[in-house]
Amino acid sequence: GKVLFEAAKKWAKEAGACKLYISAHSAVESQAFYKAMGCREAQEYCQ
């Protein structure tokens, strides 16, 4: 998951993004992964 996430970040940066947006599964284990990847609550929610 870490390798995949890093590849996504690299591609997104090359595509002009400043941030990845993730509508993420709320399971404790899933959220622990995202926190380990440096994610935090979105400043803007995508409705």
ModelCIF file with pLDDT and N, C-alpha, C, O atoms, coordinates in Angstrom:
data_MODEL
#
_entry.id   MODEL 
#
_entity.id                         1 
_entity.type                       polymer 
_entity.pdbx_number_of_molecules   1 
#
_entity_poly.entity_id                      1 
_entity_poly.type                           'polypeptide(L)' 
_entity_poly.nstd_linkage                   no 
_entity_poly.nstd_monomer                   no 
_entity_poly.pdbx_seq_one_letter_code       GKVLFEAAKKWAKEAGACKLYISAHSAVESQAFYKAMGCREAQEYCQ 
_entity_poly.pdbx_seq_one_letter_code_can   GKVLFEAAKKWAKEAGACKLYISAHSAVESQAFYKAMGCREAQEYCQ 
_entity_poly.pdbx_strand_id                 A 
#
loop_
_entity_poly_seq.entity_id 
_entity_poly_seq.num 
_entity_poly_seq.mon_id 
_entity_poly_seq.hetero 
1 1  GLY n 
1 2  LYS n 
1 3  VAL n 
1 4  LEU n 
1 5  PHE n 
1 6  GLU n 
1 7  ALA n 
1 8  ALA n 
1 9  LYS n 
1 10 LYS n 
1 11 TRP n 
1 12 ALA n 
1 13 LYS n 
1 14 GLU n 
1 15 ALA n 
1 16 GLY n 
1 17 ALA n 
1 18 CYS n 
1 19 LYS n 
1 20 LEU n 
1 21 TYR n 
1 22 ILE n 
1 23 SER n 
1 24 ALA n 
1 25 HIS n 
1 26 SER n 
1 27 ALA n 
1 28 VAL n 
1 29 GLU n 
1 30 SER n 
1 31 GLN n 
1 32 ALA n 
1 33 PHE n 
1 34 TYR n 
1 35 LYS n 
1 36 ALA n 
1 37 MET n 
1 38 GLY n 
1 39 CYS n 
1 40 ARG n 
1 41 GLU n 
1 42 ALA n 
1 43 GLN n 
1 44 GLU n 
1 45 TYR n 
1 46 CYS n 
1 47 GLN n 
#
_struct_asym.id          A 
_struct_asym.entity_id   1 
#
loop_
_ma_qa_metric.id 
_ma_qa_metric.mode 
_ma_qa_metric.name 
_ma_qa_metric.software_group_id 
_ma_qa_metric.type 
1 global pLDDT . pLDDT 
2 local  pLDDT . pLDDT 
#
_ma_qa_metric_global.metric_id      1 
_ma_qa_metric_global.metric_value   96.72 
_ma_qa_metric_global.model_id       1 
_ma_qa_metric_global.ordinal_id     1 
#
loop_
_ma_qa_metric_local.label_asym_id 
_ma_qa_metric_local.label_comp_id 
_ma_qa_metric_local.label_seq_id 
_ma_qa_metric_local.metric_id 
_ma_qa_metric_local.metric_value 
_ma_qa_metric_local.model_id 
_ma_qa_metric_local.ordinal_id 
A GLY 1  2 98.00 1 1  
A LYS 2  2 98.00 1 2  
A VAL 3  2 98.00 1 3  
A LEU 4  2 98.00 1 4  
A PHE 5  2 98.00 1 5  
A GLU 6  2 98.00 1 6  
A ALA 7  2 98.00 1 7  
A ALA 8  2 98.00 1 8  
A LYS 9  2 98.00 1 9  
A LYS 10 2 98.00 1 10 
A TRP 11 2 98.00 1 11 
A ALA 12 2 98.00 1 12 
A LYS 13 2 97.00 1 13 
A GLU 14 2 97.00 1 14 
A ALA 15 2 97.00 1 15 
A GLY 16 2 95.00 1 16 
A ALA 17 2 96.00 1 17 
A CYS 18 2 96.00 1 18 
A LYS 19 2 97.00 1 19 
A LEU 20 2 98.00 1 20 
A TYR 21 2 98.00 1 21 
A ILE 22 2 98.00 1 22 
A SER 23 2 97.00 1 23 
A ALA 24 2 97.00 1 24 
A HIS 25 2 94.00 1 25 
A SER 26 2 95.00 1 26 
A ALA 27 2 96.00 1 27 
A VAL 28 2 96.00 1 28 
A GLU 29 2 95.00 1 29 
A SER 30 2 96.00 1 30 
A GLN 31 2 97.00 1 31 
A ALA 32 2 96.00 1 32 
A PHE 33 2 97.00 1 33 
A TYR 34 2 98.00 1 34 
A LYS 35 2 97.00 1 35 
A ALA 36 2 97.00 1 36 
A MET 37 2 98.00 1 37 
A GLY 38 2 98.00 1 38 
A CYS 39 2 98.00 1 39 
A ARG 40 2 97.00 1 40 
A GLU 41 2 96.00 1 41 
A ALA 42 2 96.00 1 42 
A GLN 43 2 94.00 1 43 
A GLU 44 2 94.00 1 44 
A TYR 45 2 94.00 1 45 
A CYS 46 2 94.00 1 46 
A GLN 47 2 94.00 1 47 
#
loop_
_atom_site.group_PDB 
_atom_site.id 
_atom_site.type_symbol 
_atom_site.label_atom_id 
_atom_site.label_alt_id 
_atom_site.label_comp_id 
_atom_site.label_asym_id 
_atom_site.label_entity_id 
_atom_site.label_seq_id 
_atom_site.pdbx_PDB_ins_code 
_atom_site.Cartn_x 
_atom_site.Cartn_y 
_atom_site.Cartn_z 
_atom_site.occupancy 
_atom_site.B_iso_or_equiv 
_atom_site.pdbx_formal_charge 
_atom_site.auth_seq_id 
_atom_site.auth_comp_id 
_atom_site.auth_asym_id 
_atom_site.auth_atom_id 
_atom_site.pdbx_PDB_model_num 
ATOM 1   N N  . GLY A 1 1  ? 0.816   -1.211 0.000   1.00 98.00 ? 1  GLY A N  1 
ATOM 2   C CA . GLY A 1 1  ? 0.000   0.000  0.000   1.00 98.00 ? 1  GLY A CA 1 
ATOM 3   C C  . GLY A 1 1  ? 0.849   1.260  0.000   1.00 98.00 ? 1  GLY A C  1 
ATOM 4   O O  . GLY A 1 1  ? 0.518   2.237  -0.672  1.00 98.00 ? 1  GLY A O  1 
ATOM 5   N N  . LYS A 1 2  ? 1.934   1.242  0.745   1.00 98.00 ? 2  LYS A N  1 
ATOM 6   C CA . LYS A 1 2  ? 2.824   2.406  0.797   1.00 98.00 ? 2  LYS A CA 1 
ATOM 7   C C  . LYS A 1 2  ? 3.440   2.676  -0.576  1.00 98.00 ? 2  LYS A C  1 
ATOM 8   O O  . LYS A 1 2  ? 3.487   3.825  -1.015  1.00 98.00 ? 2  LYS A O  1 
ATOM 9   N N  . VAL A 1 3  ? 3.909   1.640  -1.252  1.00 98.00 ? 3  VAL A N  1 
ATOM 10  C CA . VAL A 1 3  ? 4.500   1.815  -2.584  1.00 98.00 ? 3  VAL A CA 1 
ATOM 11  C C  . VAL A 1 3  ? 3.454   2.365  -3.548  1.00 98.00 ? 3  VAL A C  1 
ATOM 12  O O  . VAL A 1 3  ? 3.743   3.272  -4.328  1.00 98.00 ? 3  VAL A O  1 
ATOM 13  N N  . LEU A 1 4  ? 2.246   1.821  -3.498  1.00 98.00 ? 4  LEU A N  1 
ATOM 14  C CA . LEU A 1 4  ? 1.175   2.297  -4.378  1.00 98.00 ? 4  LEU A CA 1 
ATOM 15  C C  . LEU A 1 4  ? 0.822   3.750  -4.079  1.00 98.00 ? 4  LEU A C  1 
ATOM 16  O O  . LEU A 1 4  ? 0.638   4.552  -4.995  1.00 98.00 ? 4  LEU A O  1 
ATOM 17  N N  . PHE A 1 5  ? 0.729   4.087  -2.791  1.00 98.00 ? 5  PHE A N  1 
ATOM 18  C CA . PHE A 1 5  ? 0.383   5.450  -2.397  1.00 98.00 ? 5  PHE A CA 1 
ATOM 19  C C  . PHE A 1 5  ? 1.452   6.438  -2.864  1.00 98.00 ? 5  PHE A C  1 
ATOM 20  O O  . PHE A 1 5  ? 1.130   7.513  -3.369  1.00 98.00 ? 5  PHE A O  1 
ATOM 21  N N  . GLU A 1 6  ? 2.706   6.075  -2.695  1.00 98.00 ? 6  GLU A N  1 
ATOM 22  C CA . GLU A 1 6  ? 3.805   6.944  -3.138  1.00 98.00 ? 6  GLU A CA 1 
ATOM 23  C C  . GLU A 1 6  ? 3.789   7.127  -4.651  1.00 98.00 ? 6  GLU A C  1 
ATOM 24  O O  . GLU A 1 6  ? 4.072   8.220  -5.142  1.00 98.00 ? 6  GLU A O  1 
ATOM 25  N N  . ALA A 1 7  ? 3.463   6.075  -5.397  1.00 98.00 ? 7  ALA A N  1 
ATOM 26  C CA . ALA A 1 7  ? 3.368   6.198  -6.858  1.00 98.00 ? 7  ALA A CA 1 
ATOM 27  C C  . ALA A 1 7  ? 2.236   7.151  -7.233  1.00 98.00 ? 7  ALA A C  1 
ATOM 28  O O  . ALA A 1 7  ? 2.376   7.947  -8.162  1.00 98.00 ? 7  ALA A O  1 
ATOM 29  N N  . ALA A 1 8  ? 1.118   7.073  -6.517  1.00 98.00 ? 8  ALA A N  1 
ATOM 30  C CA . ALA A 1 8  ? -0.011  7.979  -6.771  1.00 98.00 ? 8  ALA A CA 1 
ATOM 31  C C  . ALA A 1 8  ? 0.388   9.421  -6.484  1.00 98.00 ? 8  ALA A C  1 
ATOM 32  O O  . ALA A 1 8  ? 0.057   10.320 -7.257  1.00 98.00 ? 8  ALA A O  1 
ATOM 33  N N  . LYS A 1 9  ? 1.092   9.649  -5.388  1.00 98.00 ? 9  LYS A N  1 
ATOM 34  C CA . LYS A 1 9  ? 1.550   11.008 -5.056  1.00 98.00 ? 9  LYS A CA 1 
ATOM 35  C C  . LYS A 1 9  ? 2.475   11.554 -6.140  1.00 98.00 ? 9  LYS A C  1 
ATOM 36  O O  . LYS A 1 9  ? 2.339   12.704 -6.557  1.00 98.00 ? 9  LYS A O  1 
ATOM 37  N N  . LYS A 1 10 ? 3.405   10.735 -6.590  1.00 98.00 ? 10 LYS A N  1 
ATOM 38  C CA . LYS A 1 10 ? 4.354   11.165 -7.625  1.00 98.00 ? 10 LYS A CA 1 
ATOM 39  C C  . LYS A 1 10 ? 3.611   11.543 -8.901  1.00 98.00 ? 10 LYS A C  1 
ATOM 40  O O  . LYS A 1 10 ? 3.880   12.588 -9.494  1.00 98.00 ? 10 LYS A O  1 
ATOM 41  N N  . TRP A 1 11 ? 2.676   10.692 -9.325  1.00 98.00 ? 11 TRP A N  1 
ATOM 42  C CA . TRP A 1 11 ? 1.926   10.981 -10.543 1.00 98.00 ? 11 TRP A CA 1 
ATOM 43  C C  . TRP A 1 11 ? 1.100   12.260 -10.382 1.00 98.00 ? 11 TRP A C  1 
ATOM 44  O O  . TRP A 1 11 ? 1.068   13.102 -11.279 1.00 98.00 ? 11 TRP A O  1 
ATOM 45  N N  . ALA A 1 12 ? 0.433   12.398 -9.233  1.00 98.00 ? 12 ALA A N  1 
ATOM 46  C CA . ALA A 1 12 ? -0.412  13.577 -8.991  1.00 98.00 ? 12 ALA A CA 1 
ATOM 47  C C  . ALA A 1 12 ? 0.417   14.860 -9.001  1.00 98.00 ? 12 ALA A C  1 
ATOM 48  O O  . ALA A 1 12 ? -0.018  15.877 -9.541  1.00 98.00 ? 12 ALA A O  1 
ATOM 49  N N  . LYS A 1 13 ? 1.590   14.815 -8.416  1.00 97.00 ? 13 LYS A N  1 
ATOM 50  C CA . LYS A 1 13 ? 2.459   15.999 -8.413  1.00 97.00 ? 13 LYS A CA 1 
ATOM 51  C C  . LYS A 1 13 ? 2.848   16.373 -9.841  1.00 97.00 ? 13 LYS A C  1 
ATOM 52  O O  . LYS A 1 13 ? 2.808   17.545 -10.215 1.00 97.00 ? 13 LYS A O  1 
ATOM 53  N N  . GLU A 1 14 ? 3.220   15.381 -10.627 1.00 97.00 ? 14 GLU A N  1 
ATOM 54  C CA . GLU A 1 14 ? 3.582   15.633 -12.021 1.00 97.00 ? 14 GLU A CA 1 
ATOM 55  C C  . GLU A 1 14 ? 2.388   16.165 -12.821 1.00 97.00 ? 14 GLU A C  1 
ATOM 56  O O  . GLU A 1 14 ? 2.569   16.864 -13.818 1.00 97.00 ? 14 GLU A O  1 
ATOM 57  N N  . ALA A 1 15 ? 1.173   15.833 -12.385 1.00 97.00 ? 15 ALA A N  1 
ATOM 58  C CA . ALA A 1 15 ? -0.047  16.294 -13.059 1.00 97.00 ? 15 ALA A CA 1 
ATOM 59  C C  . ALA A 1 15 ? -0.505  17.666 -12.562 1.00 97.00 ? 15 ALA A C  1 
ATOM 60  O O  . ALA A 1 15 ? -1.539  18.169 -13.000 1.00 97.00 ? 15 ALA A O  1 
ATOM 61  N N  . GLY A 1 16 ? 0.263   18.274 -11.644 1.00 95.00 ? 16 GLY A N  1 
ATOM 62  C CA . GLY A 1 16 ? -0.030  19.633 -11.201 1.00 95.00 ? 16 GLY A CA 1 
ATOM 63  C C  . GLY A 1 16 ? -0.784  19.773 -9.897  1.00 95.00 ? 16 GLY A C  1 
ATOM 64  O O  . GLY A 1 16 ? -1.162  20.884 -9.526  1.00 95.00 ? 16 GLY A O  1 
ATOM 65  N N  . ALA A 1 17 ? -1.012  18.682 -9.191  1.00 96.00 ? 17 ALA A N  1 
ATOM 66  C CA . ALA A 1 17 ? -1.736  18.751 -7.917  1.00 96.00 ? 17 ALA A CA 1 
ATOM 67  C C  . ALA A 1 17 ? -0.805  19.173 -6.783  1.00 96.00 ? 17 ALA A C  1 
ATOM 68  O O  . ALA A 1 17 ? 0.408   18.971 -6.837  1.00 96.00 ? 17 ALA A O  1 
ATOM 69  N N  . CYS A 1 18 ? -1.406  19.759 -5.767  1.00 96.00 ? 18 CYS A N  1 
ATOM 70  C CA . CYS A 1 18 ? -0.690  20.048 -4.524  1.00 96.00 ? 18 CYS A CA 1 
ATOM 71  C C  . CYS A 1 18 ? -1.016  19.017 -3.447  1.00 96.00 ? 18 CYS A C  1 
ATOM 72  O O  . CYS A 1 18 ? -0.242  18.794 -2.516  1.00 96.00 ? 18 CYS A O  1 
ATOM 73  N N  . LYS A 1 19 ? -2.202  18.388 -3.605  1.00 97.00 ? 19 LYS A N  1 
ATOM 74  C CA . LYS A 1 19 ? -2.661  17.423 -2.602  1.00 97.00 ? 19 LYS A CA 1 
ATOM 75  C C  . LYS A 1 19 ? -3.462  16.312 -3.272  1.00 97.00 ? 19 LYS A C  1 
ATOM 76  O O  . LYS A 1 19 ? -4.104  16.518 -4.301  1.00 97.00 ? 19 LYS A O  1 
ATOM 77  N N  . LEU A 1 20 ? -3.406  15.140 -2.667  1.00 98.00 ? 20 LEU A N  1 
ATOM 78  C CA . LEU A 1 20 ? -4.331  14.078 -3.010  1.00 98.00 ? 20 LEU A CA 1 
ATOM 79  C C  . LEU A 1 20 ? -5.558  14.213 -2.119  1.00 98.00 ? 20 LEU A C  1 
ATOM 80  O O  . LEU A 1 20 ? -5.441  14.554 -0.942  1.00 98.00 ? 20 LEU A O  1 
ATOM 81  N N  . TYR A 1 21 ? -6.726  13.948 -2.674  1.00 98.00 ? 21 TYR A N  1 
ATOM 82  C CA . TYR A 1 21 ? -7.969  13.910 -1.919  1.00 98.00 ? 21 TYR A CA 1 
ATOM 83  C C  . TYR A 1 21 ? -8.403  12.452 -1.846  1.00 98.00 ? 21 TYR A C  1 
ATOM 84  O O  . TYR A 1 21 ? -8.403  11.745 -2.854  1.00 98.00 ? 21 TYR A O  1 
ATOM 85  N N  . ILE A 1 22 ? -8.772  12.008 -0.651  1.00 98.00 ? 22 ILE A N  1 
ATOM 86  C CA . ILE A 1 22 ? -9.161  10.619 -0.453  1.00 98.00 ? 22 ILE A CA 1 
ATOM 87  C C  . ILE A 1 22 ? -10.462 10.562 0.327   1.00 98.00 ? 22 ILE A C  1 
ATOM 88  O O  . ILE A 1 22 ? -10.538 11.048 1.455   1.00 98.00 ? 22 ILE A O  1 
ATOM 89  N N  . SER A 1 23 ? -11.490 9.967  -0.277  1.00 97.00 ? 23 SER A N  1 
ATOM 90  C CA . SER A 1 23 ? -12.710 9.626  0.453   1.00 97.00 ? 23 SER A CA 1 
ATOM 91  C C  . SER A 1 23 ? -12.462 8.214  0.955   1.00 97.00 ? 23 SER A C  1 
ATOM 92  O O  . SER A 1 23 ? -12.638 7.243  0.219   1.00 97.00 ? 23 SER A O  1 
ATOM 93  N N  . ALA A 1 24 ? -12.053 8.105  2.213   1.00 97.00 ? 24 ALA A N  1 
ATOM 94  C CA . ALA A 1 24 ? -11.436 6.885  2.726   1.00 97.00 ? 24 ALA A CA 1 
ATOM 95  C C  . ALA A 1 24 ? -12.360 6.078  3.624   1.00 97.00 ? 24 ALA A C  1 
ATOM 96  O O  . ALA A 1 24 ? -13.112 6.622  4.433   1.00 97.00 ? 24 ALA A O  1 
ATOM 97  N N  . HIS A 1 25 ? -12.281 4.779  3.457   1.00 94.00 ? 25 HIS A N  1 
ATOM 98  C CA . HIS A 1 25 ? -12.997 3.829  4.314   1.00 94.00 ? 25 HIS A CA 1 
ATOM 99  C C  . HIS A 1 25 ? -12.732 4.207  5.770   1.00 94.00 ? 25 HIS A C  1 
ATOM 100 O O  . HIS A 1 25 ? -11.599 4.525  6.133   1.00 94.00 ? 25 HIS A O  1 
ATOM 101 N N  . SER A 1 26 ? -13.764 4.171  6.598   1.00 95.00 ? 26 SER A N  1 
ATOM 102 C CA . SER A 1 26 ? -13.629 4.631  7.989   1.00 95.00 ? 26 SER A CA 1 
ATOM 103 C C  . SER A 1 26 ? -13.133 3.561  8.965   1.00 95.00 ? 26 SER A C  1 
ATOM 104 O O  . SER A 1 26 ? -12.978 3.847  10.153  1.00 95.00 ? 26 SER A O  1 
ATOM 105 N N  . ALA A 1 27 ? -12.881 2.336  8.493   1.00 96.00 ? 27 ALA A N  1 
ATOM 106 C CA . ALA A 1 27 ? -12.373 1.281  9.376   1.00 96.00 ? 27 ALA A CA 1 
ATOM 107 C C  . ALA A 1 27 ? -11.086 1.750  10.063  1.00 96.00 ? 27 ALA A C  1 
ATOM 108 O O  . ALA A 1 27 ? -10.255 2.423  9.453   1.00 96.00 ? 27 ALA A O  1 
ATOM 109 N N  . VAL A 1 28 ? -10.938 1.393  11.312  1.00 96.00 ? 28 VAL A N  1 
ATOM 110 C CA . VAL A 1 28 ? -9.774  1.798  12.101  1.00 96.00 ? 28 VAL A CA 1 
ATOM 111 C C  . VAL A 1 28 ? -8.474  1.425  11.387  1.00 96.00 ? 28 VAL A C  1 
ATOM 112 O O  . VAL A 1 28 ? -7.540  2.226  11.352  1.00 96.00 ? 28 VAL A O  1 
ATOM 113 N N  . GLU A 1 29 ? -8.400  0.219  10.818  1.00 95.00 ? 29 GLU A N  1 
ATOM 114 C CA . GLU A 1 29 ? -7.182  -0.225 10.142  1.00 95.00 ? 29 GLU A CA 1 
ATOM 115 C C  . GLU A 1 29 ? -6.905  0.621  8.894   1.00 95.00 ? 29 GLU A C  1 
ATOM 116 O O  . GLU A 1 29 ? -5.760  0.991  8.632   1.00 95.00 ? 29 GLU A O  1 
ATOM 117 N N  . SER A 1 30 ? -7.939  0.920  8.141   1.00 96.00 ? 30 SER A N  1 
ATOM 118 C CA . SER A 1 30 ? -7.764  1.747  6.941   1.00 96.00 ? 30 SER A CA 1 
ATOM 119 C C  . SER A 1 30 ? -7.284  3.135  7.324   1.00 96.00 ? 30 SER A C  1 
ATOM 120 O O  . SER A 1 30 ? -6.374  3.677  6.696   1.00 96.00 ? 30 SER A O  1 
ATOM 121 N N  . GLN A 1 31 ? -7.888  3.711  8.349   1.00 97.00 ? 31 GLN A N  1 
ATOM 122 C CA . GLN A 1 31 ? -7.493  5.054  8.783   1.00 97.00 ? 31 GLN A CA 1 
ATOM 123 C C  . GLN A 1 31 ? -6.067  5.074  9.330   1.00 97.00 ? 31 GLN A C  1 
ATOM 124 O O  . GLN A 1 31 ? -5.357  6.066  9.161   1.00 97.00 ? 31 GLN A O  1 
ATOM 125 N N  . ALA A 1 32 ? -5.640  3.996  9.980   1.00 96.00 ? 32 ALA A N  1 
ATOM 126 C CA . ALA A 1 32 ? -4.252  3.922  10.467  1.00 96.00 ? 32 ALA A CA 1 
ATOM 127 C C  . ALA A 1 32 ? -3.275  3.960  9.285   1.00 96.00 ? 32 ALA A C  1 
ATOM 128 O O  . ALA A 1 32 ? -2.226  4.599  9.364   1.00 96.00 ? 32 ALA A O  1 
ATOM 129 N N  . PHE A 1 33 ? -3.622  3.280  8.197   1.00 97.00 ? 33 PHE A N  1 
ATOM 130 C CA . PHE A 1 33 ? -2.783  3.322  6.998   1.00 97.00 ? 33 PHE A CA 1 
ATOM 131 C C  . PHE A 1 33 ? -2.669  4.750  6.479   1.00 97.00 ? 33 PHE A C  1 
ATOM 132 O O  . PHE A 1 33 ? -1.566  5.237  6.228   1.00 97.00 ? 33 PHE A O  1 
ATOM 133 N N  . TYR A 1 34 ? -3.807  5.419  6.319   1.00 98.00 ? 34 TYR A N  1 
ATOM 134 C CA . TYR A 1 34 ? -3.777  6.777  5.768   1.00 98.00 ? 34 TYR A CA 1 
ATOM 135 C C  . TYR A 1 34 ? -3.010  7.739  6.678   1.00 98.00 ? 34 TYR A C  1 
ATOM 136 O O  . TYR A 1 34 ? -2.292  8.613  6.192   1.00 98.00 ? 34 TYR A O  1 
ATOM 137 N N  . LYS A 1 35 ? -3.158  7.584  7.975   1.00 97.00 ? 35 LYS A N  1 
ATOM 138 C CA . LYS A 1 35 ? -2.413  8.439  8.902   1.00 97.00 ? 35 LYS A CA 1 
ATOM 139 C C  . LYS A 1 35 ? -0.909  8.192  8.742   1.00 97.00 ? 35 LYS A C  1 
ATOM 140 O O  . LYS A 1 35 ? -0.118  9.135  8.753   1.00 97.00 ? 35 LYS A O  1 
ATOM 141 N N  . ALA A 1 36 ? -0.521  6.934  8.596   1.00 97.00 ? 36 ALA A N  1 
ATOM 142 C CA . ALA A 1 36 ? 0.896   6.603  8.403   1.00 97.00 ? 36 ALA A CA 1 
ATOM 143 C C  . ALA A 1 36 ? 1.432   7.188  7.092   1.00 97.00 ? 36 ALA A C  1 
ATOM 144 O O  . ALA A 1 36 ? 2.629   7.450  6.971   1.00 97.00 ? 36 ALA A O  1 
ATOM 145 N N  . MET A 1 37 ? 0.553   7.389  6.124   1.00 98.00 ? 37 MET A N  1 
ATOM 146 C CA . MET A 1 37 ? 0.948   7.975  4.835   1.00 98.00 ? 37 MET A CA 1 
ATOM 147 C C  . MET A 1 37 ? 0.986   9.508  4.887   1.00 98.00 ? 37 MET A C  1 
ATOM 148 O O  . MET A 1 37 ? 1.341   10.153 3.900   1.00 98.00 ? 37 MET A O  1 
ATOM 149 N N  . GLY A 1 38 ? 0.621   10.088 6.035   1.00 98.00 ? 38 GLY A N  1 
ATOM 150 C CA . GLY A 1 38 ? 0.673   11.536 6.186   1.00 98.00 ? 38 GLY A CA 1 
ATOM 151 C C  . GLY A 1 38 ? -0.634  12.250 5.896   1.00 98.00 ? 38 GLY A C  1 
ATOM 152 O O  . GLY A 1 38 ? -0.657  13.472 5.744   1.00 98.00 ? 38 GLY A O  1 
ATOM 153 N N  . CYS A 1 39 ? -1.715  11.503 5.818   1.00 98.00 ? 39 CYS A N  1 
ATOM 154 C CA . CYS A 1 39 ? -3.025  12.110 5.533   1.00 98.00 ? 39 CYS A CA 1 
ATOM 155 C C  . CYS A 1 39 ? -3.617  12.743 6.784   1.00 98.00 ? 39 CYS A C  1 
ATOM 156 O O  . CYS A 1 39 ? -3.324  12.351 7.914   1.00 98.00 ? 39 CYS A O  1 
ATOM 157 N N  . ARG A 1 40 ? -4.465  13.743 6.534   1.00 97.00 ? 40 ARG A N  1 
ATOM 158 C CA . ARG A 1 40 ? -5.217  14.382 7.616   1.00 97.00 ? 40 ARG A CA 1 
ATOM 159 C C  . ARG A 1 40 ? -6.585  14.753 7.065   1.00 97.00 ? 40 ARG A C  1 
ATOM 160 O O  . ARG A 1 40 ? -6.837  14.609 5.869   1.00 97.00 ? 40 ARG A O  1 
ATOM 161 N N  . GLU A 1 41 ? -7.456  15.225 7.923   1.00 96.00 ? 41 GLU A N  1 
ATOM 162 C CA . GLU A 1 41 ? -8.793  15.593 7.476   1.00 96.00 ? 41 GLU A CA 1 
ATOM 163 C C  . GLU A 1 41 ? -8.693  16.674 6.392   1.00 96.00 ? 41 GLU A C  1 
ATOM 164 O O  . GLU A 1 41 ? -7.906  17.613 6.506   1.00 96.00 ? 41 GLU A O  1 
ATOM 165 N N  . ALA A 1 42 ? -9.498  16.523 5.353   1.00 96.00 ? 42 ALA A N  1 
ATOM 166 C CA . ALA A 1 42 ? -9.465  17.468 4.234   1.00 96.00 ? 42 ALA A CA 1 
ATOM 167 C C  . ALA A 1 42 ? -9.887  18.860 4.678   1.00 96.00 ? 42 ALA A C  1 
ATOM 168 O O  . ALA A 1 42 ? -10.811 19.015 5.476   1.00 96.00 ? 42 ALA A O  1 
ATOM 169 N N  . GLN A 1 43 ? -9.207  19.864 4.159   1.00 94.00 ? 43 GLN A N  1 
ATOM 170 C CA . GLN A 1 43 ? -9.586  21.249 4.441   1.00 94.00 ? 43 GLN A CA 1 
ATOM 171 C C  . GLN A 1 43 ? -10.868 21.617 3.720   1.00 94.00 ? 43 GLN A C  1 
ATOM 172 O O  . GLN A 1 43 ? -11.663 22.414 4.220   1.00 94.00 ? 43 GLN A O  1 
ATOM 173 N N  . GLU A 1 44 ? -11.071 21.041 2.549   1.00 94.00 ? 44 GLU A N  1 
ATOM 174 C CA . GLU A 1 44 ? -12.296 21.235 1.775   1.00 94.00 ? 44 GLU A CA 1 
ATOM 175 C C  . GLU A 1 44 ? -12.895 19.858 1.517   1.00 94.00 ? 44 GLU A C  1 
ATOM 176 O O  . GLU A 1 44 ? -12.192 18.952 1.069   1.00 94.00 ? 44 GLU A O  1 
ATOM 177 N N  . TYR A 1 45 ? -14.176 19.691 1.791   1.00 94.00 ? 45 TYR A N  1 
ATOM 178 C CA . TYR A 1 45 ? -14.833 18.423 1.502   1.00 94.00 ? 45 TYR A CA 1 
ATOM 179 C C  . TYR A 1 45 ? -15.398 18.444 0.080   1.00 94.00 ? 45 TYR A C  1 
ATOM 180 O O  . TYR A 1 45 ? -15.943 19.455 -0.361  1.00 94.00 ? 45 TYR A O  1 
ATOM 181 N N  . CYS A 1 46 ? -15.266 17.338 -0.622  1.00 94.00 ? 46 CYS A N  1 
ATOM 182 C CA . CYS A 1 46 ? -15.882 17.157 -1.935  1.00 94.00 ? 46 CYS A CA 1 
ATOM 183 C C  . CYS A 1 46 ? -17.283 16.595 -1.700  1.00 94.00 ? 46 CYS A C  1 
ATOM 184 O O  . CYS A 1 46 ? -17.433 15.444 -1.290  1.00 94.00 ? 46 CYS A O  1 
ATOM 185 N N  . GLN A 1 47 ? -18.293 17.397 -1.957  1.00 94.00 ? 47 GLN A N  1 
ATOM 186 C CA . GLN A 1 47 ? -19.669 17.020 -1.654  1.00 94.00 ? 47 GLN A CA 1 
ATOM 187 C C  . GLN A 1 47 ? -20.098 15.746 -2.375  1.00 94.00 ? 47 GLN A C  1 
ATOM 188 O O  . GLN A 1 47 ? -21.235 15.300 -2.219  1.00 94.00 ? 47 GLN A O  1 
#
